[in-house]
Each structure stands twice: as C-alpha cells, then as structure tokens.
Amino acid sequence: MVFVPEDKSGSEQEEAKLQNASKQIVHAAIQQAVQQLSQDSQQKERGTNRSVSLQLERGQLTKKHEKK
C-alpha cells in the first residue's frame, strides 16, 4: 500500500487517538484495581477488628495474656 503525505498525517492522528484511548483504558484499570485493593483492605481490617472484639467479649484475649 502506498501512502501519500496526507494519509501519513491522518495515520499519525489515528495512531495518536489509539494511544490516548489505550492510556485511558490503562489508567481506568489501574484506578479500579487500587480502589478494589483499598476496599478489600478495609473489609479485612473490619473483619480483624470484629474478631478482636469477639475475643475480648469472650475473654479469650485476656486468658491468652494471663498465660504468658
């Protein structure tokens, strides 16, 4: 296929559009992954806090502490 100069600039513009679209997709994917990690971390922390609260209510933590 033979390109004339006008096609080249059009081709470069199309490539630039594709690169920008790719960057936006990657950026969105990274943001989503960071948000998911943050949510998972918060849920895990809440679970740990609940576990500690339950252990305190049952006296399990104080018993373990007394043994040491």
PDB file of N, CA and C in Angstrom:
ATOM      1  N   MET A   1       0.845  -1.177   0.000  1.00  0.00           N
ATOM      2  CA  MET A   1       0.000   0.000   0.000  1.00  0.00           C
ATOM      3  C   MET A   1       0.892   1.243   0.000  1.00  0.00           C
ATOM      4  N   VAL A   2       0.554   2.183  -0.789  1.00  0.00           N
ATOM      5  CA  VAL A   2       1.340   3.407  -0.917  1.00  0.00           C
ATOM      6  C   VAL A   2       0.610   4.520  -0.178  1.00  0.00           C
ATOM      7  N   PHE A   3       1.350   5.226   0.666  1.00  0.00           N
ATOM      8  CA  PHE A   3       0.770   6.330   1.424  1.00  0.00           C
ATOM      9  C   PHE A   3       1.228   7.654   0.834  1.00  0.00           C
ATOM     10  N   VAL A   4       0.320   8.536   0.683  1.00  0.00           N
ATOM     11  CA  VAL A   4       0.666   9.893   0.285  1.00  0.00           C
ATOM     12  C   VAL A   4       0.821  10.709   1.562  1.00  0.00           C
ATOM     13  N   PRO A   5       1.513  11.842   1.556  1.00  0.00           N
ATOM     14  CA  PRO A   5       1.739  12.610   2.779  1.00  0.00           C
ATOM     15  C   PRO A   5       0.473  12.904   3.570  1.00  0.00           C
ATOM     16  N   GLU A   6      -0.638  13.155   2.897  1.00  0.00           N
ATOM     17  CA  GLU A   6      -1.890  13.441   3.596  1.00  0.00           C
ATOM     18  C   GLU A   6      -2.338  12.221   4.406  1.00  0.00           C
ATOM     19  N   ASP A   7      -2.180  11.037   3.847  1.00  0.00           N
ATOM     20  CA  ASP A   7      -2.563   9.820   4.554  1.00  0.00           C
ATOM     21  C   ASP A   7      -1.679   9.604   5.779  1.00  0.00           C
ATOM     22  N   LYS A   8      -0.416   9.982   5.645  1.00  0.00           N
ATOM     23  CA  LYS A   8       0.509   9.793   6.758  1.00  0.00           C
ATOM     24  C   LYS A   8       0.073  10.609   7.966  1.00  0.00           C
ATOM     25  N   SER A   9      -0.297  11.854   7.761  1.00  0.00           N
ATOM     26  CA  SER A   9      -0.726  12.665   8.896  1.00  0.00           C
ATOM     27  C   SER A   9      -2.026  12.118   9.467  1.00  0.00           C
ATOM     28  N   GLY A  10      -2.914  11.648   8.605  1.00  0.00           N
ATOM     29  CA  GLY A  10      -4.149  11.029   9.064  1.00  0.00           C
ATOM     30  C   GLY A  10      -3.853   9.762   9.841  1.00  0.00           C
ATOM     31  N   SER A  11      -2.890   9.006   9.351  1.00  0.00           N
ATOM     32  CA  SER A  11      -2.479   7.778  10.028  1.00  0.00           C
ATOM     33  C   SER A  11      -1.855   8.099  11.388  1.00  0.00           C
ATOM     34  N   GLU A  12      -1.047   9.141  11.428  1.00  0.00           N
ATOM     35  CA  GLU A  12      -0.438   9.542  12.698  1.00  0.00           C
ATOM     36  C   GLU A  12      -1.493  10.024  13.686  1.00  0.00           C
ATOM     37  N   GLN A  13      -2.483  10.725  13.182  1.00  0.00           N
ATOM     38  CA  GLN A  13      -3.566  11.190  14.046  1.00  0.00           C
ATOM     39  C   GLN A  13      -4.352   9.998  14.601  1.00  0.00           C
ATOM     40  N   GLU A  14      -4.604   9.027  13.751  1.00  0.00           N
ATOM     41  CA  GLU A  14      -5.333   7.829  14.182  1.00  0.00           C
ATOM     42  C   GLU A  14      -4.519   7.064  15.234  1.00  0.00           C
ATOM     43  N   GLU A  15      -3.221   6.966  15.007  1.00  0.00           N
ATOM     44  CA  GLU A  15      -2.357   6.282  15.977  1.00  0.00           C
ATOM     45  C   GLU A  15      -2.337   7.029  17.308  1.00  0.00           C
ATOM     46  N   ALA A  16      -2.307   8.341  17.253  1.00  0.00           N
ATOM     47  CA  ALA A  16      -2.331   9.148  18.474  1.00  0.00           C
ATOM     48  C   ALA A  16      -3.645   8.937  19.223  1.00  0.00           C
ATOM     49  N   LYS A  17      -4.751   8.857  18.491  1.00  0.00           N
ATOM     50  CA  LYS A  17      -6.046   8.596  19.118  1.00  0.00           C
ATOM     51  C   LYS A  17      -6.048   7.233  19.796  1.00  0.00           C
ATOM     52  N   LEU A  18      -5.501   6.245  19.105  1.00  0.00           N
ATOM     53  CA  LEU A  18      -5.441   4.900  19.677  1.00  0.00           C
ATOM     54  C   LEU A  18      -4.560   4.863  20.926  1.00  0.00           C
ATOM     55  N   GLN A  19      -3.437   5.567  20.875  1.00  0.00           N
ATOM     56  CA  GLN A  19      -2.552   5.629  22.039  1.00  0.00           C
ATOM     57  C   GLN A  19      -3.251   6.303  23.216  1.00  0.00           C
ATOM     58  N   ASN A  20      -3.956   7.394  22.948  1.00  0.00           N
ATOM     59  CA  ASN A  20      -4.690   8.079  24.023  1.00  0.00           C
ATOM     60  C   ASN A  20      -5.773   7.186  24.603  1.00  0.00           C
ATOM     61  N   ALA A  21      -6.494   6.475  23.725  1.00  0.00           N
ATOM     62  CA  ALA A  21      -7.535   5.558  24.195  1.00  0.00           C
ATOM     63  C   ALA A  21      -6.914   4.454  25.046  1.00  0.00           C
ATOM     64  N   SER A  22      -5.787   3.932  24.618  1.00  0.00           N
ATOM     65  CA  SER A  22      -5.096   2.889  25.379  1.00  0.00           C
ATOM     66  C   SER A  22      -4.657   3.401  26.745  1.00  0.00           C
ATOM     67  N   LYS A  23      -4.123   4.615  26.766  1.00  0.00           N
ATOM     68  CA  LYS A  23      -3.704   5.207  28.034  1.00  0.00           C
ATOM     69  C   LYS A  23      -4.892   5.379  28.977  1.00  0.00           C
ATOM     70  N   GLN A  24      -6.020   5.814  28.431  1.00  0.00           N
ATOM     71  CA  GLN A  24      -7.218   5.987  29.254  1.00  0.00           C
ATOM     72  C   GLN A  24      -7.705   4.654  29.809  1.00  0.00           C
ATOM     73  N   ILE A  25      -7.665   3.618  28.985  1.00  0.00           N
ATOM     74  CA  ILE A  25      -8.083   2.285  29.437  1.00  0.00           C
ATOM     75  C   ILE A  25      -7.172   1.787  30.552  1.00  0.00           C
ATOM     76  N   VAL A  26      -5.868   1.939  30.360  1.00  0.00           N
ATOM     77  CA  VAL A  26      -4.910   1.502  31.377  1.00  0.00           C
ATOM     78  C   VAL A  26      -5.099   2.303  32.662  1.00  0.00           C
ATOM     79  N   HIS A  27      -5.262   3.602  32.535  1.00  0.00           N
ATOM     80  CA  HIS A  27      -5.460   4.468  33.699  1.00  0.00           C
ATOM     81  C   HIS A  27      -6.714   4.053  34.470  1.00  0.00           C
ATOM     82  N   ALA A  28      -7.799   3.806  33.749  1.00  0.00           N
ATOM     83  CA  ALA A  28      -9.049   3.387  34.390  1.00  0.00           C
ATOM     84  C   ALA A  28      -8.879   2.038  35.078  1.00  0.00           C
ATOM     85  N   ALA A  29      -8.174   1.120  34.445  1.00  0.00           N
ATOM     86  CA  ALA A  29      -7.952  -0.200  35.035  1.00  0.00           C
ATOM     87  C   ALA A  29      -7.119  -0.100  36.311  1.00  0.00           C
ATOM     88  N   ILE A  30      -6.109   0.765  36.291  1.00  0.00           N
ATOM     89  CA  ILE A  30      -5.271   0.962  37.481  1.00  0.00           C
ATOM     90  C   ILE A  30      -6.091   1.574  38.602  1.00  0.00           C
ATOM     91  N   GLN A  31      -6.899   2.567  38.286  1.00  0.00           N
ATOM     92  CA  GLN A  31      -7.745   3.189  39.303  1.00  0.00           C
ATOM     93  C   GLN A  31      -8.703   2.168  39.910  1.00  0.00           C
ATOM     94  N   GLN A  32      -9.286   1.334  39.080  1.00  0.00           N
ATOM     95  CA  GLN A  32     -10.220   0.324  39.562  1.00  0.00           C
ATOM     96  C   GLN A  32      -9.501  -0.685  40.465  1.00  0.00           C
ATOM     97  N   ALA A  33      -8.293  -1.088  40.077  1.00  0.00           N
ATOM     98  CA  ALA A  33      -7.531  -2.036  40.879  1.00  0.00           C
ATOM     99  C   ALA A  33      -7.158  -1.441  42.238  1.00  0.00           C
ATOM    100  N   VAL A  34      -6.747  -0.189  42.244  1.00  0.00           N
ATOM    101  CA  VAL A  34      -6.395   0.482  43.502  1.00  0.00           C
ATOM    102  C   VAL A  34      -7.628   0.604  44.390  1.00  0.00           C
ATOM    103  N   GLN A  35      -8.745   0.940  43.817  1.00  0.00           N
ATOM    104  CA  GLN A  35      -9.985   1.055  44.581  1.00  0.00           C
ATOM    105  C   GLN A  35     -10.383  -0.301  45.166  1.00  0.00           C
ATOM    106  N   GLN A  36     -10.245  -1.361  44.369  1.00  0.00           N
ATOM    107  CA  GLN A  36     -10.590  -2.696  44.848  1.00  0.00           C
ATOM    108  C   GLN A  36      -9.668  -3.115  45.985  1.00  0.00           C
ATOM    109  N   LEU A  37      -8.387  -2.851  45.852  1.00  0.00           N
ATOM    110  CA  LEU A  37      -7.439  -3.179  46.921  1.00  0.00           C
ATOM    111  C   LEU A  37      -7.772  -2.421  48.199  1.00  0.00           C
ATOM    112  N   SER A  38      -8.132  -1.171  48.052  1.00  0.00           N
ATOM    113  CA  SER A  38      -8.494  -0.359  49.207  1.00  0.00           C
ATOM    114  C   SER A  38      -9.727  -0.923  49.895  1.00  0.00           C
ATOM    115  N   GLN A  39     -10.730  -1.284  49.118  1.00  0.00           N
ATOM    116  CA  GLN A  39     -11.945  -1.855  49.693  1.00  0.00           C
ATOM    117  C   GLN A  39     -11.660  -3.190  50.378  1.00  0.00           C
ATOM    118  N   ASP A  40     -10.864  -4.027  49.722  1.00  0.00           N
ATOM    119  CA  ASP A  40     -10.512  -5.322  50.314  1.00  0.00           C
ATOM    120  C   ASP A  40      -9.765  -5.141  51.630  1.00  0.00           C
ATOM    121  N   SER A  41      -8.858  -4.174  51.650  1.00  0.00           N
ATOM    122  CA  SER A  41      -8.088  -3.899  52.855  1.00  0.00           C
ATOM    123  C   SER A  41      -8.994  -3.428  53.987  1.00  0.00           C
ATOM    124  N   GLN A  42      -9.933  -2.545  53.656  1.00  0.00           N
ATOM    125  CA  GLN A  42     -10.865  -2.046  54.672  1.00  0.00           C
ATOM    126  C   GLN A  42     -11.744  -3.170  55.209  1.00  0.00           C
ATOM    127  N   GLN A  43     -12.207  -4.048  54.327  1.00  0.00           N
ATOM    128  CA  GLN A  43     -13.042  -5.160  54.759  1.00  0.00           C
ATOM    129  C   GLN A  43     -12.254  -6.120  55.644  1.00  0.00           C
ATOM    130  N   LYS A  44     -10.998  -6.370  55.275  1.00  0.00           N
ATOM    131  CA  LYS A  44     -10.154  -7.255  56.072  1.00  0.00           C
ATOM    132  C   LYS A  44      -9.917  -6.651  57.455  1.00  0.00           C
ATOM    133  N   GLU A  45      -9.661  -5.333  57.491  1.00  0.00           N
ATOM    134  CA  GLU A  45      -9.429  -4.660  58.768  1.00  0.00           C
ATOM    135  C   GLU A  45     -10.678  -4.716  59.637  1.00  0.00           C
ATOM    136  N   ARG A  46     -11.838  -4.517  59.017  1.00  0.00           N
ATOM    137  CA  ARG A  46     -13.088  -4.602  59.782  1.00  0.00           C
ATOM    138  C   ARG A  46     -13.268  -6.008  60.338  1.00  0.00           C
ATOM    139  N   GLY A  47     -12.931  -7.005  59.540  1.00  0.00           N
ATOM    140  CA  GLY A  47     -13.033  -8.390  59.983  1.00  0.00           C
ATOM    141  C   GLY A  47     -12.101  -8.670  61.144  1.00  0.00           C
ATOM    142  N   THR A  48     -10.889  -8.148  61.081  1.00  0.00           N
ATOM    143  CA  THR A  48      -9.922  -8.320  62.165  1.00  0.00           C
ATOM    144  C   THR A  48     -10.415  -7.624  63.421  1.00  0.00           C
ATOM    145  N   ASN A  49     -10.952  -6.422  63.265  1.00  0.00           N
ATOM    146  CA  ASN A  49     -11.475  -5.691  64.423  1.00  0.00           C
ATOM    147  C   ASN A  49     -12.645  -6.432  65.051  1.00  0.00           C
ATOM    148  N   ARG A  50     -13.508  -7.019  64.242  1.00  0.00           N
ATOM    149  CA  ARG A  50     -14.640  -7.787  64.771  1.00  0.00           C
ATOM    150  C   ARG A  50     -14.146  -9.006  65.519  1.00  0.00           C
ATOM    151  N   SER A  51     -13.145  -9.659  64.954  1.00  0.00           N
ATOM    152  CA  SER A  51     -12.592 -10.851  65.594  1.00  0.00           C
ATOM    153  C   SER A  51     -12.000 -10.508  66.953  1.00  0.00           C
ATOM    154  N   VAL A  52     -11.268  -9.417  67.017  1.00  0.00           N
ATOM    155  CA  VAL A  52     -10.672  -8.982  68.284  1.00  0.00           C
ATOM    156  C   VAL A  52     -11.775  -8.620  69.268  1.00  0.00           C
ATOM    157  N   SER A  53     -12.813  -7.947  68.792  1.00  0.00           N
ATOM    158  CA  SER A  53     -13.926  -7.575  69.671  1.00  0.00           C
ATOM    159  C   SER A  53     -14.600  -8.817  70.236  1.00  0.00           C
ATOM    160  N   LEU A  54     -14.824  -9.798  69.393  1.00  0.00           N
ATOM    161  CA  LEU A  54     -15.463 -11.030  69.856  1.00  0.00           C
ATOM    162  C   LEU A  54     -14.574 -11.752  70.866  1.00  0.00           C
ATOM    163  N   GLN A  55     -13.280 -11.766  70.603  1.00  0.00           N
ATOM    164  CA  GLN A  55     -12.361 -12.423  71.524  1.00  0.00           C
ATOM    165  C   GLN A  55     -12.340 -11.696  72.865  1.00  0.00           C
ATOM    166  N   LEU A  56     -12.391 -10.387  72.823  1.00  0.00           N
ATOM    167  CA  LEU A  56     -12.435  -9.622  74.063  1.00  0.00           C
ATOM    168  C   LEU A  56     -13.724  -9.913  74.831  1.00  0.00           C
ATOM    169  N   GLU A  57     -14.837  -9.964  74.107  1.00  0.00           N
ATOM    170  CA  GLU A  57     -16.119 -10.247  74.743  1.00  0.00           C
ATOM    171  C   GLU A  57     -16.113 -11.621  75.400  1.00  0.00           C
ATOM    172  N   ARG A  58     -15.464 -12.568  74.763  1.00  0.00           N
ATOM    173  CA  ARG A  58     -15.431 -13.933  75.285  1.00  0.00           C
ATOM    174  C   ARG A  58     -14.331 -14.116  76.328  1.00  0.00           C
ATOM    175  N   GLY A  59     -13.495 -13.119  76.471  1.00  0.00           N
ATOM    176  CA  GLY A  59     -12.403 -13.209  77.428  1.00  0.00           C
ATOM    177  C   GLY A  59     -11.221 -14.006  76.916  1.00  0.00           C
ATOM    178  N   GLN A  60     -11.216 -14.313  75.646  1.00  0.00           N
ATOM    179  CA  GLN A  60     -10.147 -15.138  75.086  1.00  0.00           C
ATOM    180  C   GLN A  60      -8.811 -14.400  75.057  1.00  0.00           C
ATOM    181  N   LEU A  61      -8.827 -13.140  74.761  1.00  0.00           N
ATOM    182  CA  LEU A  61      -7.559 -12.406  74.707  1.00  0.00           C
ATOM    183  C   LEU A  61      -6.960 -12.251  76.100  1.00  0.00           C
ATOM    184  N   THR A  62      -7.795 -12.005  77.085  1.00  0.00           N
ATOM    185  CA  THR A  62      -7.247 -11.837  78.435  1.00  0.00           C
ATOM    186  C   THR A  62      -6.708 -13.162  78.951  1.00  0.00           C
ATOM    187  N   LYS A  63      -7.347 -14.276  78.634  1.00  0.00           N
ATOM    188  CA  LYS A  63      -6.846 -15.573  79.051  1.00  0.00           C
ATOM    189  C   LYS A  63      -5.498 -15.868  78.426  1.00  0.00           C
ATOM    190  N   LYS A  64      -5.366 -15.584  77.142  1.00  0.00           N
ATOM    191  CA  LYS A  64      -4.084 -15.791  76.484  1.00  0.00           C
ATOM    192  C   LYS A  64      -3.017 -14.906  77.106  1.00  0.00           C
ATOM    193  N   HIS A  65      -3.381 -13.687  77.429  1.00  0.00           N
ATOM    194  CA  HIS A  65      -2.423 -12.751  78.022  1.00  0.00           C
ATOM    195  C   HIS A  65      -1.989 -13.253  79.407  1.00  0.00           C
ATOM    196  N   GLU A  66      -2.919 -13.793  80.199  1.00  0.00           N
ATOM    197  CA  GLU A  66      -2.597 -14.277  81.534  1.00  0.00           C
ATOM    198  C   GLU A  66      -1.649 -15.466  81.484  1.00  0.00           C
ATOM    199  N   LYS A  67      -1.756 -16.307  80.458  1.00  0.00           N
ATOM    200  CA  LYS A  67      -0.904 -17.486  80.335  1.00  0.00           C
ATOM    201  C   LYS A  67       0.541 -17.088  80.107  1.00  0.00           C
ATOM    202  N   LYS A  68       0.766 -15.975  79.439  1.00  0.00           N
ATOM    203  CA  LYS A  68       2.134 -15.544  79.129  1.00  0.00           C
ATOM    204  C   LYS A  68       2.719 -14.941  80.327  1.00  0.00           C
TER     205      LYS A  68
END
